[in-house]
């Protein structure tokens, strides 16, 4: 039963994509109902699997009953289950907002593209094969290209062009990396590569090492790390509001790939018995995280529109998570990974909600939209302003909200690091800078009213019926509150997830329980003594 439910997380979106592409505008009510029902099913299944403890031991699904490394496998463990659940939560928020505000009607194929995006995301989180990771990357990127242009507009088209070009470059590099690995190692299954890496010939070590660095470069392009992040503020800042909210999970695909490949393929391994891969990538991730966080904080200060400011906050979260991943080498590995995952959940859900809040401002401040400038009072300004400051406090990592807990766990993991001083300085100072920038944004939007003939500047805020979409804007803050209330059990579960990631042998045993003898004719010529069981 669990195998069928896991398969449903990929098969349902692809089936709905085909159905919704045929219904389209012909049956708008049916299209909305099917899409919403599909997202609810995905949410229920992903949550149910995690609650039932299905991912406590990695579950492997062999497509067509072909065992790894010859067949395609999907692997469901705690990390992939968590990412599937986050995807479903963000998708539900975005879809309900789009339907409530009729923003799904701006294009004929919004709902089909929406499910295609979920198909690509869920497949990327489940696949155990590098080539199929590339395929799912392309599926979700193709869907995101269409969603990016949903509603049209000159600025949106220009930002979409930059987004397409950068990601096409990333896809090309991905193919180069995959080809180099297959040509030297003879496999693209992640577990099989892991087992074969120590046995490649010495003359192939430079090629494999280059391919690994190229692979992580692609992941960092997708994750929007410095200096490869410049595509994100425009793409997210000019996308329609529900699309931007859905895109809050997109950078996490790249970060997930970094974490998955590093924890399975590199941790505790060698390349040809020559290069120790345990700390091959981590130092680079730490420094890239520090620089990304600094650049993002400056972007938050310089932004003149709230959506672009939220986009830079997402980049700041990427930097913070990369710092945690860079610290995850040594005795504090599980604490660092647990902190990264706690912060991961926080920033994904609240970034989506912050975009939805920007949508409220755009609809009810027609003079300024989400521009960081004074405007006449809007309906329920006190409620919206309170929500803004709650989001600002959470995203900046101030107590008592969720960002604070994640940062404390990450900084605790840095106490024994030789880079303790720069980590603390960058994380704390960047947080302060972002707090100041967000406080300035809030004061200009909500406290510096602009006088117009119909709206004196000192006029009390207009009180009206609840704004459409307010419920979906409040929902992420409810999730944040629940995370604070349940911080202890959640952090314990996440540390268990980190422990599972640290014990890559469980993943390898689940995917390839017997190992596979490498044939002498394979491109890598791995040697007769290879038994596939040591990592």
Protein backbone atom coordinates (compact mmCIF):
# COMPACT_ATOMS: atom_id res chain seq x y z
CA UNK A 1 0.00 0.00 0.00
CA UNK A 2 2.78 2.45 0.87
CA UNK A 3 4.43 1.83 -2.51
CA UNK A 4 1.17 2.64 -4.28
CA UNK A 5 0.72 5.83 -2.25
CA UNK A 6 4.28 6.95 -2.95
CA UNK A 7 3.79 6.31 -6.66
CA UNK A 8 0.57 8.32 -6.53
CA UNK A 9 2.56 11.42 -5.56
CA UNK A 10 4.13 11.38 -9.05
CA UNK A 11 1.49 9.66 -11.16
CA UNK A 12 -1.47 11.78 -10.02
CA UNK A 13 0.05 15.13 -11.09
CA UNK A 14 1.05 13.83 -14.52
CA UNK A 15 -2.43 12.36 -15.08
CA UNK A 16 -4.09 15.59 -13.96
CA UNK A 17 -1.80 17.58 -16.26
CA UNK A 18 -3.22 15.73 -19.26
CA UNK A 19 -6.82 16.01 -18.07
CA UNK A 20 -6.60 19.70 -17.17
CA UNK A 21 -4.93 20.51 -20.49
CA UNK A 22 -8.03 19.13 -22.24
CA UNK A 23 -10.62 20.84 -20.04
CA UNK A 24 -8.89 24.25 -19.84
CA UNK A 25 -11.30 27.14 -20.33
CA UNK A 26 -14.06 24.89 -21.66
CA UNK A 27 -15.03 23.79 -18.15
CA UNK A 28 -13.45 26.28 -15.73
CA UNK A 29 -15.40 25.08 -12.70
CA UNK A 30 -14.43 21.45 -13.30
CA UNK A 31 -10.83 22.43 -13.96
CA UNK A 32 -10.58 24.29 -10.68
CA UNK A 33 -12.24 21.47 -8.77
CA UNK A 34 -9.97 18.79 -10.22
CA UNK A 35 -6.81 20.78 -9.57
CA UNK A 36 -7.80 21.63 -6.00
CA UNK A 37 -8.85 18.04 -5.29
CA UNK A 38 -5.54 16.78 -6.68
CA UNK A 39 -3.52 19.10 -4.46
CA UNK A 40 -5.56 18.07 -1.40
CA UNK A 41 -4.92 14.40 -2.20
CA UNK A 42 -1.18 15.06 -2.52
CA UNK A 43 -1.21 16.89 0.82
CA UNK A 44 -3.14 14.11 2.55
CA UNK A 45 -0.95 11.34 1.12
CA UNK A 46 2.39 13.03 1.86
CA UNK A 47 1.31 13.95 5.41
CA UNK A 48 -0.14 10.48 5.99
CA UNK A 49 3.05 8.74 4.88
CA UNK A 50 5.19 10.81 7.24
CA UNK A 51 2.79 10.40 10.17
CA UNK A 52 2.74 6.63 9.60
CA UNK A 53 6.54 6.58 9.76
CA UNK A 54 6.91 5.27 6.22
CA UNK A 55 10.13 7.19 5.68
CA UNK A 56 11.83 6.07 8.88
CA UNK A 57 13.45 3.38 6.75
CA UNK A 58 14.11 4.35 3.10
CA UNK A 59 11.40 2.86 0.89
CA UNK A 60 12.43 1.98 -2.67
CA UNK A 61 10.07 1.62 -5.62
CA UNK A 62 11.54 -0.15 -8.64
CA UNK A 63 9.71 0.95 -11.78
CA UNK A 64 8.87 -2.02 -13.98
CA UNK A 65 10.36 -4.30 -11.30
CA UNK A 66 13.83 -3.52 -12.66
CA UNK A 67 16.30 -3.43 -9.78
CA UNK A 68 18.95 -0.73 -9.45
CA UNK A 69 21.22 0.18 -11.08
CA UNK A 70 19.60 -1.04 -14.31
CA UNK A 71 16.12 0.31 -13.63
CA UNK A 72 14.66 3.60 -12.44
CA UNK A 73 14.07 3.79 -8.70
CA UNK A 74 12.17 6.21 -6.47
CA UNK A 75 13.32 6.52 -2.88
CA UNK A 76 11.06 7.79 -0.10
CA UNK A 77 12.72 8.66 3.20
CA UNK A 78 12.26 11.39 5.79
CA UNK A 79 13.91 14.10 3.71
CA UNK A 80 12.02 13.40 0.50
CA UNK A 81 8.78 13.01 2.48
CA UNK A 82 9.34 16.38 4.13
CA UNK A 83 9.95 18.05 0.76
CA UNK A 84 6.83 16.45 -0.72
CA UNK A 85 4.75 17.72 2.21
CA UNK A 86 6.19 21.24 1.90
CA UNK A 87 5.46 21.23 -1.83
CA UNK A 88 1.83 20.27 -1.18
CA UNK A 89 1.39 22.98 1.48
CA UNK A 90 2.80 25.73 -0.73
CA UNK A 91 0.80 24.46 -3.71
CA UNK A 92 -2.44 24.53 -1.72
CA UNK A 93 -1.83 28.09 -0.50
CA UNK A 94 -0.98 29.30 -4.01
CA UNK A 95 -3.89 27.56 -5.70
CA UNK A 96 -6.53 28.68 -3.19
CA UNK A 97 -5.27 32.26 -3.50
CA UNK A 98 -5.32 32.09 -7.31
CA UNK A 99 -8.89 30.75 -7.36
CA UNK A 100 -10.11 33.16 -4.68
CA UNK A 101 -8.71 36.15 -6.57
CA UNK A 102 -9.55 34.80 -10.07
CA UNK A 103 -5.87 35.03 -11.02
CA UNK A 104 -6.01 31.59 -12.58
CA UNK A 105 -8.14 33.01 -15.41
CA UNK A 106 -5.35 35.20 -16.83
CA UNK A 107 -4.19 32.32 -19.05
CA UNK A 108 -5.82 29.23 -20.56
CA UNK A 109 -3.51 26.57 -19.15
CA UNK A 110 -2.72 27.74 -15.62
CA UNK A 111 -4.08 24.62 -13.95
CA UNK A 112 -2.41 22.16 -16.33
CA UNK A 113 0.94 23.93 -15.89
CA UNK A 114 0.38 23.98 -12.14
CA UNK A 115 0.06 20.18 -11.99
CA UNK A 116 2.98 19.75 -14.41
CA UNK A 117 5.06 21.81 -11.99
CA UNK A 118 4.04 19.52 -9.12
CA UNK A 119 4.90 16.49 -11.26
CA UNK A 120 8.42 17.80 -11.83
CA UNK A 121 8.91 18.81 -8.19
CA UNK A 122 7.66 15.54 -6.71
CA UNK A 123 9.66 13.48 -9.18
CA UNK A 124 12.84 15.41 -8.39
CA UNK A 125 12.38 14.78 -4.67
CA UNK A 126 11.80 11.05 -5.14
CA UNK A 127 14.20 9.99 -7.87
CA UNK A 128 17.33 8.03 -7.01
CA UNK A 129 18.93 8.51 -10.42
CA UNK A 130 20.93 11.52 -11.63
CA UNK A 131 19.66 11.37 -15.20
CA UNK A 132 16.06 11.22 -14.04
CA UNK A 133 16.81 14.12 -11.72
CA UNK A 134 17.80 16.00 -14.88
CA UNK A 135 14.55 14.92 -16.57
CA UNK A 136 12.41 16.08 -13.67
CA UNK A 137 14.38 19.33 -13.52
CA UNK A 138 13.47 19.94 -17.15
CA UNK A 139 9.80 19.09 -16.55
CA UNK A 140 9.45 21.52 -13.66
CA UNK A 141 11.41 24.19 -15.53
CA UNK A 142 9.25 23.86 -18.65
CA UNK A 143 6.13 24.22 -16.51
CA UNK A 144 7.66 27.16 -14.65
CA UNK A 145 8.41 28.93 -17.96
CA UNK A 146 4.70 28.85 -18.78
CA UNK A 147 3.68 29.87 -15.27
CA UNK A 148 6.26 32.65 -15.27
CA UNK A 149 4.56 34.23 -18.32
CA UNK A 150 1.05 33.67 -16.92
CA UNK A 151 -0.78 36.97 -17.32
CA UNK A 152 1.71 38.41 -19.82
CA UNK A 153 3.32 41.86 -19.44
CA UNK A 154 6.53 43.39 -20.81
CA UNK A 155 8.52 43.23 -17.58
CA UNK A 156 7.33 39.71 -16.87
CA UNK A 157 8.37 38.61 -20.36
CA UNK A 158 11.81 40.16 -20.01
CA UNK A 159 12.36 38.62 -16.57
CA UNK A 160 11.11 35.31 -17.93
CA UNK A 161 13.66 35.46 -20.74
CA UNK A 162 16.50 35.88 -18.24
CA UNK A 163 15.09 33.01 -16.20
CA UNK A 164 14.92 30.74 -19.25
CA UNK A 165 18.43 31.58 -20.47
CA UNK A 166 20.10 31.00 -17.09
CA UNK A 167 18.30 27.72 -16.52
CA UNK A 168 19.07 26.50 -20.04
CA UNK A 169 22.74 27.12 -19.32
CA UNK A 170 22.34 25.18 -16.10
CA UNK A 171 20.65 22.32 -17.94
CA UNK A 172 23.50 22.17 -20.46
CA UNK A 173 26.09 21.99 -17.68
CA UNK A 174 23.99 19.29 -16.02
CA UNK A 175 24.22 17.17 -19.17
CA UNK A 176 28.00 17.66 -19.32
CA UNK A 177 28.32 16.55 -15.68
CA UNK A 178 26.05 13.54 -16.14
CA UNK A 179 27.87 12.50 -19.31
CA UNK A 180 31.28 12.75 -17.66
CA UNK A 181 30.13 10.69 -14.68
CA UNK A 182 28.58 8.01 -16.85
CA UNK A 183 31.65 7.85 -19.09
CA UNK A 184 34.01 7.32 -16.14
CA UNK A 185 31.92 5.54 -13.51
CA UNK A 186 29.57 3.64 -15.81
CA UNK A 187 26.36 4.39 -13.90
CA UNK A 188 23.93 7.21 -13.11
CA UNK A 189 22.15 5.60 -10.19
CA UNK A 190 23.14 7.61 -7.12
CA UNK A 191 23.72 4.60 -4.89
CA UNK A 192 25.66 2.74 -7.57
CA UNK A 193 27.91 5.74 -8.22
CA UNK A 194 28.54 5.98 -4.49
CA UNK A 195 29.69 2.37 -4.30
CA UNK A 196 31.86 2.61 -7.41
CA UNK A 197 33.62 5.92 -6.69
CA UNK A 198 36.41 4.41 -4.55
CA UNK A 199 37.26 1.91 -7.30
CA UNK A 200 37.75 4.10 -10.35
CA UNK A 201 41.20 4.22 -11.92
CA UNK A 202 43.56 7.01 -10.82
CA UNK A 203 43.68 8.60 -14.26
CA UNK A 204 39.88 9.10 -14.15
CA UNK A 205 39.96 10.90 -10.78
CA UNK A 206 40.36 14.45 -12.25
CA UNK A 207 37.46 13.90 -14.65
CA UNK A 208 35.16 12.61 -11.90
CA UNK A 209 36.15 15.40 -9.53
CA UNK A 210 35.46 18.01 -12.21
CA UNK A 211 32.10 16.40 -12.98
CA UNK A 212 31.14 16.52 -9.30
CA UNK A 213 32.01 20.21 -9.02
CA UNK A 214 30.09 20.86 -12.24
CA UNK A 215 27.11 19.00 -10.83
CA UNK A 216 27.08 21.10 -7.68
CA UNK A 217 27.46 24.26 -9.77
CA UNK A 218 24.22 23.32 -11.53
CA UNK A 219 22.48 22.73 -8.20
CA UNK A 220 23.65 26.12 -6.96
CA UNK A 221 22.33 27.79 -10.12
CA UNK A 222 18.95 26.22 -9.40
CA UNK A 223 19.26 27.18 -5.75
CA UNK A 224 20.19 30.82 -6.53
CA UNK A 225 23.50 30.99 -4.63
CA UNK A 226 26.11 33.70 -5.19
CA UNK A 227 27.11 34.62 -7.87
CA UNK A 228 24.40 32.70 -9.73
CA UNK A 229 21.37 34.33 -8.09
CA UNK A 230 20.78 37.41 -10.25
CA UNK A 231 17.99 35.73 -12.24
CA UNK A 232 15.80 35.24 -9.18
CA UNK A 233 14.75 38.77 -8.08
CA UNK A 234 13.40 39.60 -11.53
CA UNK A 235 11.75 36.24 -12.13
CA UNK A 236 10.04 36.10 -8.74
CA UNK A 237 9.47 39.83 -8.50
CA UNK A 238 7.50 40.06 -11.75
CA UNK A 239 5.68 36.71 -11.68
CA UNK A 240 2.00 36.72 -10.79
CA UNK A 241 1.38 36.46 -7.05
CA UNK A 242 0.24 32.79 -6.86
CA UNK A 243 3.06 31.75 -9.18
CA UNK A 244 5.64 33.61 -7.09
CA UNK A 245 4.25 31.90 -3.97
CA UNK A 246 4.57 28.49 -5.64
CA UNK A 247 8.10 29.35 -6.73
CA UNK A 248 9.06 29.62 -3.02
CA UNK A 249 9.76 25.88 -3.20
CA UNK A 250 11.82 26.10 -6.41
CA UNK A 251 15.16 27.15 -4.91
CA UNK A 252 14.78 24.32 -2.42
CA UNK A 253 15.03 21.81 -5.29
CA UNK A 254 18.61 22.88 -5.88
CA UNK A 255 19.40 22.84 -2.16
CA UNK A 256 17.74 19.44 -1.80
CA UNK A 257 19.94 18.10 -4.61
CA UNK A 258 23.04 19.49 -2.89
CA UNK A 259 22.07 17.84 0.39
CA UNK A 260 21.01 14.53 -1.17
CA UNK A 261 24.07 14.06 -3.39
CA UNK A 262 26.47 15.23 -0.70
CA UNK A 263 24.98 13.03 2.04
CA UNK A 264 24.76 9.89 -0.11
CA UNK A 265 27.55 10.11 -2.65
CA UNK A 266 30.28 12.12 -0.94
CA UNK A 267 30.02 11.78 2.83
CA UNK A 268 32.54 9.21 4.08
CA UNK A 269 33.65 8.30 0.55
CA UNK A 270 36.71 8.65 -1.66
CA UNK A 271 37.33 9.12 -5.36
CA UNK A 272 39.60 6.34 -6.58
CA UNK A 273 40.92 5.91 -3.04
CA UNK A 274 42.82 9.18 -3.54
CA UNK A 275 40.53 12.14 -2.77
CA UNK A 276 38.52 12.18 0.45
CA UNK A 277 35.11 13.55 -0.57
CA UNK A 278 33.76 14.13 2.96
CA UNK A 279 34.96 17.74 2.97
CA UNK A 280 35.21 18.19 -0.79
CA UNK A 281 32.17 20.45 -1.14
CA UNK A 282 31.33 21.64 2.39
CA UNK A 283 33.98 24.42 2.68
CA UNK A 284 32.81 25.91 -0.61
CA UNK A 285 29.20 25.78 0.56
CA UNK A 286 30.06 27.63 3.77
CA UNK A 287 31.85 30.49 2.04
CA UNK A 288 29.23 30.71 -0.72
CA UNK A 289 26.55 30.82 1.96
CA UNK A 290 28.27 33.70 3.77
CA UNK A 291 28.69 35.73 0.56
CA UNK A 292 25.15 34.94 -0.59
CA UNK A 293 23.72 36.12 2.72
CA UNK A 294 25.66 39.40 2.55
CA UNK A 295 24.56 40.05 -1.05
CA UNK A 296 20.94 39.20 -0.21
CA UNK A 297 20.89 41.56 2.78
CA UNK A 298 22.11 44.39 0.54
CA UNK A 299 19.40 43.48 -1.98
CA UNK A 300 16.72 43.65 0.73
CA UNK A 301 17.91 47.18 1.58
CA UNK A 302 18.00 48.31 -2.05
CA UNK A 303 14.64 46.84 -3.15
CA UNK A 304 11.94 49.34 -4.09
CA UNK A 305 9.08 46.83 -4.43
CA UNK A 306 7.92 44.39 -1.79
CA UNK A 307 7.96 41.40 -4.14
CA UNK A 308 11.61 41.99 -5.01
CA UNK A 309 12.35 42.42 -1.32
CA UNK A 310 10.75 39.05 -0.58
CA UNK A 311 12.77 37.55 -3.45
CA UNK A 312 15.97 38.78 -1.80
CA UNK A 313 14.75 37.35 1.51
CA UNK A 314 14.50 33.98 -0.26
CA UNK A 315 18.10 34.41 -1.44
CA UNK A 316 19.06 35.23 2.17
CA UNK A 317 17.45 31.97 3.27
CA UNK A 318 19.47 30.14 0.61
CA UNK A 319 22.63 31.65 2.07
CA UNK A 320 21.64 30.67 5.61
CA UNK A 321 20.91 27.07 4.60
CA UNK A 322 24.19 26.83 2.67
CA UNK A 323 26.03 27.98 5.79
CA UNK A 324 24.35 25.18 7.74
CA UNK A 325 25.22 22.61 5.07
CA UNK A 326 28.81 23.86 5.09
CA UNK A 327 28.96 23.35 8.86
CA UNK A 328 27.62 19.80 8.58
CA UNK A 329 31.03 18.11 8.65
CA UNK A 330 32.18 16.71 11.97
CA UNK A 331 30.62 16.12 15.38
CA UNK A 332 27.93 18.79 15.00
CA UNK A 333 26.69 17.45 11.66
CA UNK A 334 23.27 16.39 12.91
CA UNK A 335 22.69 19.65 14.79
CA UNK A 336 23.65 21.67 11.69
CA UNK A 337 21.42 19.61 9.40
CA UNK A 338 18.55 19.72 11.90
CA UNK A 339 18.85 23.51 12.08
CA UNK A 340 19.01 23.74 8.30
CA UNK A 341 15.82 21.68 7.93
CA UNK A 342 13.97 23.67 10.63
CA UNK A 343 14.92 26.91 8.88
CA UNK A 344 14.08 25.27 5.54
CA UNK A 345 10.46 24.63 6.56
CA UNK A 346 10.14 28.11 8.03
CA UNK A 347 11.43 30.03 5.05
CA UNK A 348 9.55 27.98 2.43
CA UNK A 349 6.12 28.44 3.99
CA UNK A 350 6.57 32.05 5.12
CA UNK A 351 8.12 33.19 1.83
CA UNK A 352 5.03 31.94 0.04
CA UNK A 353 2.81 33.77 2.53
CA UNK A 354 4.81 36.99 2.19
CA UNK A 355 4.22 36.94 -1.57
CA UNK A 356 0.50 36.51 -0.95
CA UNK A 357 0.61 39.51 1.38
CA UNK A 358 2.26 41.53 -1.39
CA UNK A 359 -0.68 40.52 -3.58
CA UNK A 360 -3.12 42.09 -1.12
CA UNK A 361 -1.18 45.32 -1.26
CA UNK A 362 -1.13 45.32 -5.05
CA UNK A 363 -4.89 44.85 -5.29
CA UNK A 364 -5.83 47.47 -2.70
CA UNK A 365 -3.13 50.10 -3.37
CA UNK A 366 -3.75 50.72 -7.09
CA UNK A 367 -1.71 53.93 -7.01
CA UNK A 368 1.48 52.27 -5.76
CA UNK A 369 0.85 48.53 -5.89
CA UNK A 370 3.54 46.78 -3.83
CA UNK A 371 5.92 49.71 -4.25
CA UNK A 372 7.70 50.74 -1.05
CA UNK A 373 6.16 54.20 -1.02
CA UNK A 374 3.28 56.01 0.74
CA UNK A 375 -0.24 55.59 -0.64
CA UNK A 376 -3.79 56.32 0.50
CA UNK A 377 -5.06 54.09 3.33
CA UNK A 378 -6.18 50.64 2.24
CA UNK A 379 -9.00 48.47 3.64
CA UNK A 380 -8.16 46.77 6.94
CA UNK A 381 -4.78 48.48 7.05
CA UNK A 382 -4.28 47.59 10.72
CA UNK A 383 -4.74 43.86 10.09
CA UNK A 384 -2.61 43.87 6.94
CA UNK A 385 0.07 45.98 8.65
CA UNK A 386 0.14 43.62 11.64
CA UNK A 387 0.55 40.68 9.28
CA UNK A 388 3.38 42.47 7.50
CA UNK A 389 5.32 43.05 10.69
CA UNK A 390 4.74 39.46 11.80
CA UNK A 391 6.18 38.25 8.50
CA UNK A 392 9.05 40.73 8.75
CA UNK A 393 9.98 39.55 12.25
CA UNK A 394 9.79 35.90 11.22
CA UNK A 395 11.77 36.28 8.00
CA UNK A 396 14.48 38.34 9.72
CA UNK A 397 14.91 35.58 12.29
CA UNK A 398 13.85 37.49 15.40
CA UNK A 399 12.30 35.79 18.44
CA UNK A 400 9.80 34.42 19.20
CA UNK A 401 9.01 33.17 15.67
CA UNK A 402 10.38 30.24 13.72
CA UNK A 403 13.33 31.85 11.97
CA UNK A 404 14.93 32.48 15.35
CA UNK A 405 14.84 28.80 16.33
CA UNK A 406 16.44 27.70 13.08
CA UNK A 407 19.21 30.30 13.32
CA UNK A 408 19.96 29.36 16.94
CA UNK A 409 20.41 25.71 15.94
CA UNK A 410 22.66 26.69 13.04
CA UNK A 411 24.77 29.05 15.16
CA UNK A 412 25.06 26.38 17.86
CA UNK A 413 26.55 24.05 15.26
CA UNK A 414 29.13 26.75 14.44
CA UNK A 415 30.52 26.98 18.00
CA UNK A 416 33.33 24.50 17.27
CA UNK A 417 34.00 25.74 13.75
CA UNK A 418 37.26 27.58 12.96
CA UNK A 419 35.06 30.07 11.10
CA UNK A 420 32.98 30.83 14.20
CA UNK A 421 33.64 34.59 14.05
CA UNK A 422 32.69 35.20 10.38
CA UNK A 423 29.63 32.93 10.66
CA UNK A 424 28.28 34.74 13.73
CA UNK A 425 29.16 38.17 12.32
CA UNK A 426 27.51 37.61 8.93
CA UNK A 427 24.37 35.89 10.27
CA UNK A 428 23.74 38.42 13.03
CA UNK A 429 24.68 41.59 11.14
CA UNK A 430 22.75 40.58 8.02
CA UNK A 431 19.74 39.84 10.21
CA UNK A 432 19.99 43.31 11.74
CA UNK A 433 20.31 44.93 8.31
CA UNK A 434 17.23 43.09 7.05
CA UNK A 435 15.25 44.07 10.16
CA UNK A 436 16.05 47.73 9.55
CA UNK A 437 15.14 47.46 5.85
CA UNK A 438 11.84 45.72 6.58
CA UNK A 439 10.98 48.23 9.33
CA UNK A 440 11.55 51.03 6.84
CA UNK A 441 9.34 49.24 4.30
CA UNK A 442 6.54 48.80 6.81
CA UNK A 443 6.66 52.38 7.99
CA UNK A 444 6.58 53.76 4.45
CA UNK A 445 3.69 51.55 3.38
CA UNK A 446 1.51 51.66 6.48
CA UNK A 447 2.43 54.77 8.45
CA UNK A 448 3.26 57.41 5.84
CA UNK A 449 -0.13 57.81 4.20
CA UNK A 450 -0.26 59.91 1.06
CA UNK A 451 -2.88 62.64 0.92
CA UNK A 452 -5.26 62.62 -2.04
CA UNK A 453 -8.54 64.51 -2.59
CA UNK A 454 -10.58 61.53 -1.46
CA UNK A 455 -8.19 60.23 1.20
CA UNK A 456 -6.64 62.75 3.63
CA UNK A 457 -3.33 61.52 5.00
CA UNK A 458 -4.58 61.57 8.58
CA UNK A 459 -7.80 59.73 7.77
CA UNK A 460 -8.31 56.54 9.87
CA UNK A 461 -7.85 53.26 7.99
CA UNK A 462 -10.84 52.17 5.97
CA UNK A 463 -12.76 49.31 7.61
CA UNK A 464 -14.43 46.92 5.21
CA UNK A 465 -15.31 43.28 4.82
CA UNK A 466 -12.42 40.77 4.86
CA UNK A 467 -10.15 41.07 1.88
CA UNK A 468 -10.26 38.21 -0.69
CA UNK A 469 -7.25 35.98 -0.11
CA UNK A 470 -6.75 37.06 3.51
CA UNK A 471 -7.23 33.51 4.80
CA UNK A 472 -4.41 32.10 2.69
CA UNK A 473 -2.20 35.00 3.80
CA UNK A 474 -2.83 34.26 7.47
CA UNK A 475 -2.44 30.47 7.12
CA UNK A 476 1.41 30.47 6.87
CA UNK A 477 1.60 32.44 10.12
CA UNK A 478 -0.57 29.78 11.74
CA UNK A 479 1.92 27.17 10.52
CA UNK A 480 4.73 29.27 12.01
CA UNK A 481 2.87 29.49 15.33
CA UNK A 482 2.38 25.73 15.38
CA UNK A 483 6.10 25.27 14.69
CA UNK A 484 6.91 27.47 17.70
CA UNK A 485 4.48 25.58 19.95
CA UNK A 486 5.82 22.23 18.78
CA UNK A 487 9.44 23.32 18.43
CA UNK A 488 10.78 20.57 20.70
CA UNK A 489 9.15 17.54 19.03
CA UNK A 490 9.70 19.03 15.57
CA UNK A 491 13.40 19.67 16.19
CA UNK A 492 13.75 16.14 17.61
CA UNK A 493 12.15 14.69 14.47
CA UNK A 494 14.36 16.81 12.25
CA UNK A 495 17.48 15.72 14.12
CA UNK A 496 16.32 12.15 13.47
CA UNK A 497 16.06 13.08 9.79
CA UNK A 498 19.59 14.50 9.98
CA UNK A 499 20.77 11.25 11.58
CA UNK A 500 19.20 9.29 8.73
CA UNK A 501 21.05 11.49 6.23
CA UNK A 502 24.29 10.94 8.12
CA UNK A 503 23.89 7.16 7.89
CA UNK A 504 24.07 6.83 4.14
CA UNK A 505 24.50 3.08 4.46
CA UNK A 506 20.76 2.75 5.09
CA UNK A 507 20.04 4.48 1.76
CA UNK A 508 22.58 2.30 -0.07
CA UNK A 509 21.28 -0.91 1.47
CA UNK A 510 17.70 -0.01 0.56
CA UNK A 511 18.51 0.79 -3.08
CA UNK A 512 21.12 -1.92 -3.67
CA UNK A 513 20.85 -4.51 -0.88
CA UNK A 514 23.20 -6.97 -2.57
CA UNK A 515 25.51 -4.56 -4.35
CA UNK A 516 26.43 -5.11 -8.00
CA UNK A 517 29.73 -6.43 -9.30
CA UNK A 518 31.17 -3.99 -11.76
CA UNK A 519 31.98 -5.77 -15.02
CA UNK A 520 35.60 -5.56 -16.12
CA UNK A 521 34.47 -4.06 -19.41
CA UNK A 522 32.76 -1.08 -17.72
CA UNK A 523 34.22 2.33 -18.61
CA UNK A 524 35.78 2.68 -15.15
CA UNK A 525 37.40 -0.84 -14.94
CA UNK A 526 36.73 -0.98 -11.22
CA UNK A 527 38.57 -4.19 -10.37
CA UNK A 528 37.58 -7.72 -9.38
CA UNK A 529 37.74 -7.11 -5.62
CA UNK A 530 34.78 -4.73 -5.65
CA UNK A 531 31.91 -6.11 -3.58
CA UNK A 532 29.67 -3.02 -3.54
CA UNK A 533 29.23 -3.17 0.23
CA UNK A 534 31.75 -0.70 1.64
CA UNK A 535 31.20 3.04 1.86
